[in-house]
Amino acid sequence: MLEAYLDRLPYLAAVALVAIGLGVLVGERGRLKKVLGINVFQTGILLFLVAAAYRTGGRAPLARPATADAPSVNPLPHVLVLTAIVVGVSLTALALALVIRVRREETMAEEGVGEETMGEGGESV
């Protein structure tokens, strides 16, 4: 009975990460927390994909030919996960840069900085 739960542990962890990320994304107001929620959500999805691609006793298809006792593992899901990690890091960096920029603009607007240097239509003079 315990073995059945341990076999499903990665799936349960993936569901928990997706739920936590979605909860943070929907429930929090802060932009930084929303970016972190998106990252946790993405981590849950990637964990699910890796868990689904796992094969007990599997071998890389180029290392040795598949046999009855050692099946071959499809490398495509792992490649897609690696690509998604790279894209996710890039998008996180962009999102954090935008959060910093928006916060800086909000702070300047609250303090009234830059209003006297702005011309008509919002162009700098």
Protein backbone atom coordinates (compact mmCIF):
# COMPACT_ATOMS: atom_id res chain seq x y z
CA MET A 1 0.00 0.00 0.00
CA LEU A 2 2.79 2.42 0.89
CA GLU A 3 4.59 1.56 -2.34
CA ALA A 4 1.57 2.66 -4.36
CA TYR A 5 1.67 6.08 -2.68
CA LEU A 6 5.42 6.39 -3.15
CA ASP A 7 5.03 5.66 -6.85
CA ARG A 8 2.62 8.58 -7.13
CA LEU A 9 4.63 10.97 -4.94
CA PRO A 10 6.07 13.01 -7.85
CA TYR A 11 2.57 13.50 -9.24
CA LEU A 12 1.25 14.59 -5.85
CA ALA A 13 4.15 17.03 -5.49
CA ALA A 14 3.46 18.39 -8.97
CA VAL A 15 -0.22 18.93 -8.15
CA ALA A 16 0.74 20.63 -4.87
CA LEU A 17 3.17 22.97 -6.64
CA VAL A 18 0.62 23.85 -9.31
CA ALA A 19 -2.02 24.53 -6.64
CA ILE A 20 0.35 26.69 -4.56
CA GLY A 21 1.50 28.64 -7.62
CA LEU A 22 -2.06 29.19 -8.81
CA GLY A 23 -3.13 30.25 -5.32
CA VAL A 24 -0.33 32.79 -5.09
CA LEU A 25 -1.02 34.04 -8.60
CA VAL A 26 -4.72 34.58 -7.93
CA GLY A 27 -4.65 35.53 -4.27
CA GLU A 28 -1.75 37.95 -3.96
CA ARG A 29 -1.73 41.57 -5.02
CA GLY A 30 2.02 42.20 -5.22
CA ARG A 31 3.61 41.96 -8.64
CA LEU A 32 6.74 40.26 -7.31
CA LYS A 33 4.63 37.61 -5.58
CA LYS A 34 2.73 37.03 -8.82
CA VAL A 35 6.00 36.44 -10.69
CA LEU A 36 7.08 33.98 -7.99
CA GLY A 37 3.68 32.28 -8.19
CA ILE A 38 4.11 31.82 -11.94
CA ASN A 39 7.53 30.25 -11.32
CA VAL A 40 6.13 27.80 -8.75
CA PHE A 41 3.29 26.95 -11.15
CA GLN A 42 5.79 26.31 -13.95
CA THR A 43 7.92 24.13 -11.66
CA GLY A 44 4.90 21.95 -10.91
CA ILE A 45 4.15 21.48 -14.59
CA LEU A 46 7.77 20.61 -15.37
CA LEU A 47 7.87 18.13 -12.49
CA PHE A 48 4.75 16.48 -13.87
CA LEU A 49 6.31 16.17 -17.34
CA VAL A 50 9.52 14.66 -15.94
CA ALA A 51 7.56 12.23 -13.75
CA ALA A 52 5.43 11.17 -16.70
CA ALA A 53 8.51 10.51 -18.84
CA TYR A 54 10.29 8.43 -16.18
CA ARG A 55 10.66 4.71 -16.87
CA THR A 56 11.90 2.30 -14.22
CA GLY A 57 15.11 0.70 -15.45
CA GLY A 58 15.01 2.71 -18.66
CA ARG A 59 18.09 3.35 -20.76
CA ALA A 60 19.06 6.09 -23.15
CA PRO A 61 18.21 4.92 -26.69
CA LEU A 62 21.67 5.67 -28.06
CA ALA A 63 23.63 4.08 -25.20
CA ARG A 64 22.36 0.52 -25.61
CA PRO A 65 19.53 -1.04 -27.59
CA ALA A 66 16.31 -1.62 -25.70
CA THR A 67 15.70 -5.10 -24.34
CA ALA A 68 12.75 -6.73 -22.66
CA ASP A 69 14.14 -6.06 -19.17
CA ALA A 70 15.40 -2.52 -19.89
CA PRO A 71 13.08 -0.41 -22.04
CA SER A 72 14.27 2.58 -23.98
CA VAL A 73 13.43 6.03 -22.65
CA ASN A 74 12.01 8.69 -24.95
CA PRO A 75 14.33 11.74 -24.66
CA LEU A 76 11.84 14.20 -26.18
CA PRO A 77 10.02 15.12 -22.91
CA HIS A 78 13.33 15.80 -21.20
CA VAL A 79 14.48 18.02 -24.05
CA LEU A 80 11.21 19.93 -23.92
CA VAL A 81 11.57 20.41 -20.16
CA LEU A 82 15.11 21.75 -20.57
CA THR A 83 13.89 24.16 -23.22
CA ALA A 84 11.01 25.24 -20.98
CA ILE A 85 13.45 25.90 -18.12
CA VAL A 86 15.56 28.18 -20.31
CA VAL A 87 12.51 30.03 -21.62
CA GLY A 88 11.12 30.29 -18.07
CA VAL A 89 14.32 31.85 -16.74
CA SER A 90 14.32 34.36 -19.58
CA LEU A 91 10.69 35.28 -19.01
CA THR A 92 11.27 35.59 -15.27
CA ALA A 93 14.15 37.99 -15.88
CA LEU A 94 11.97 40.05 -18.22
CA ALA A 95 9.05 40.05 -15.76
CA LEU A 96 11.29 41.15 -12.89
CA ALA A 97 12.76 43.94 -15.02
CA LEU A 98 9.23 45.10 -15.85
CA VAL A 99 8.22 44.96 -12.17
CA ILE A 100 11.21 47.13 -11.27
CA ARG A 101 10.45 49.59 -14.06
CA VAL A 102 6.75 49.88 -13.17
CA ARG A 103 7.57 50.38 -9.49
CA ARG A 104 10.11 53.08 -10.35
CA GLU A 105 7.55 54.88 -12.54
CA GLU A 106 4.90 54.63 -9.80
CA THR A 107 7.32 56.03 -7.22
CA MET A 108 8.24 58.91 -9.49
CA ALA A 109 4.56 59.68 -10.15
CA GLU A 110 3.75 59.59 -6.41
CA GLU A 111 6.58 61.99 -5.62
CA GLY A 112 5.75 64.26 -8.56
CA VAL A 113 9.24 63.91 -9.99
CA GLY A 114 9.52 64.63 -13.67
CA GLU A 115 6.25 66.53 -14.08
CA GLU A 116 8.03 69.84 -14.55
CA THR A 117 10.32 68.36 -17.20
CA MET A 118 7.50 66.87 -19.25
CA GLY A 119 6.10 68.76 -22.19
CA GLU A 120 2.70 68.45 -23.80
CA GLY A 121 1.75 64.89 -24.73
CA GLY A 122 4.26 63.41 -22.29
CA GLU A 123 7.43 64.05 -24.33
CA SER A 124 10.57 65.17 -22.52
CA VAL A 125 11.56 68.77 -23.09
